[in-house]
Amino acid sequence: MSFFVEAVNVLKVLVMAVGAGLGAWGVINLMEGYGNDNPGAKSQGVKHLMEE
């Protein structure tokens, strides 16, 4: 039974690592979006929210 407990613990760590990696990738992509040369692209989402 300890094998299954250990396997579940390993899977938990892997899932958390993948989640952290995807979160970091998302933050990096968000920062790249705010660092681009087109200031109109940043405010497009805010404009869309304000119109509704």
Protein backbone atom coordinates (compact mmCIF):
# COMPACT_ATOMS: atom_id res chain seq x y z
CA MET A 1 0.00 0.00 0.00
CA SER A 2 2.91 2.33 0.63
CA PHE A 3 3.78 2.12 -3.07
CA PHE A 4 0.46 3.75 -3.99
CA VAL A 5 0.88 6.44 -1.34
CA GLU A 6 4.34 7.22 -2.70
CA ALA A 7 3.03 7.25 -6.28
CA VAL A 8 0.27 9.69 -5.33
CA ASN A 9 2.81 11.93 -3.60
CA VAL A 10 5.02 11.93 -6.69
CA LEU A 11 2.04 12.78 -8.89
CA LYS A 12 1.10 15.64 -6.55
CA VAL A 13 4.59 17.09 -6.89
CA LEU A 14 4.52 16.71 -10.67
CA VAL A 15 1.12 18.38 -10.97
CA MET A 16 2.25 21.26 -8.75
CA ALA A 17 5.45 21.65 -10.79
CA VAL A 18 3.52 21.71 -14.08
CA GLY A 19 1.06 24.22 -12.61
CA ALA A 20 3.85 26.46 -11.38
CA GLY A 21 5.56 26.28 -14.76
CA LEU A 22 2.36 27.20 -16.60
CA GLY A 23 1.73 30.03 -14.15
CA ALA A 24 5.22 31.42 -14.68
CA TRP A 25 4.80 31.11 -18.46
CA GLY A 26 1.52 33.01 -18.25
CA VAL A 27 3.06 35.80 -16.20
CA ILE A 28 5.96 36.08 -18.65
CA ASN A 29 3.55 36.24 -21.59
CA LEU A 30 1.51 38.89 -19.81
CA MET A 31 4.61 40.99 -19.17
CA GLU A 32 5.68 40.61 -22.79
CA GLY A 33 2.26 41.80 -23.87
CA TYR A 34 2.62 44.94 -21.78
CA GLY A 35 6.13 45.51 -23.08
CA ASN A 36 5.31 45.52 -26.76
CA ASP A 37 5.52 48.56 -29.05
CA ASN A 38 1.79 48.80 -29.67
CA PRO A 39 0.13 50.70 -26.80
CA GLY A 40 -3.28 50.22 -28.40
CA ALA A 41 -3.11 46.48 -27.87
CA LYS A 42 -2.93 46.93 -24.11
CA SER A 43 -6.01 49.05 -23.74
CA GLN A 44 -8.19 47.01 -26.09
CA GLY A 45 -9.43 44.73 -23.29
CA VAL A 46 -10.21 47.67 -21.03
CA LYS A 47 -12.11 49.41 -23.81
CA HIS A 48 -14.13 46.27 -24.40
CA LEU A 49 -15.04 46.05 -20.72
CA MET A 50 -16.04 49.71 -20.55
CA GLU A 51 -18.37 49.46 -23.55
CA GLU A 52 -20.57 46.77 -22.02
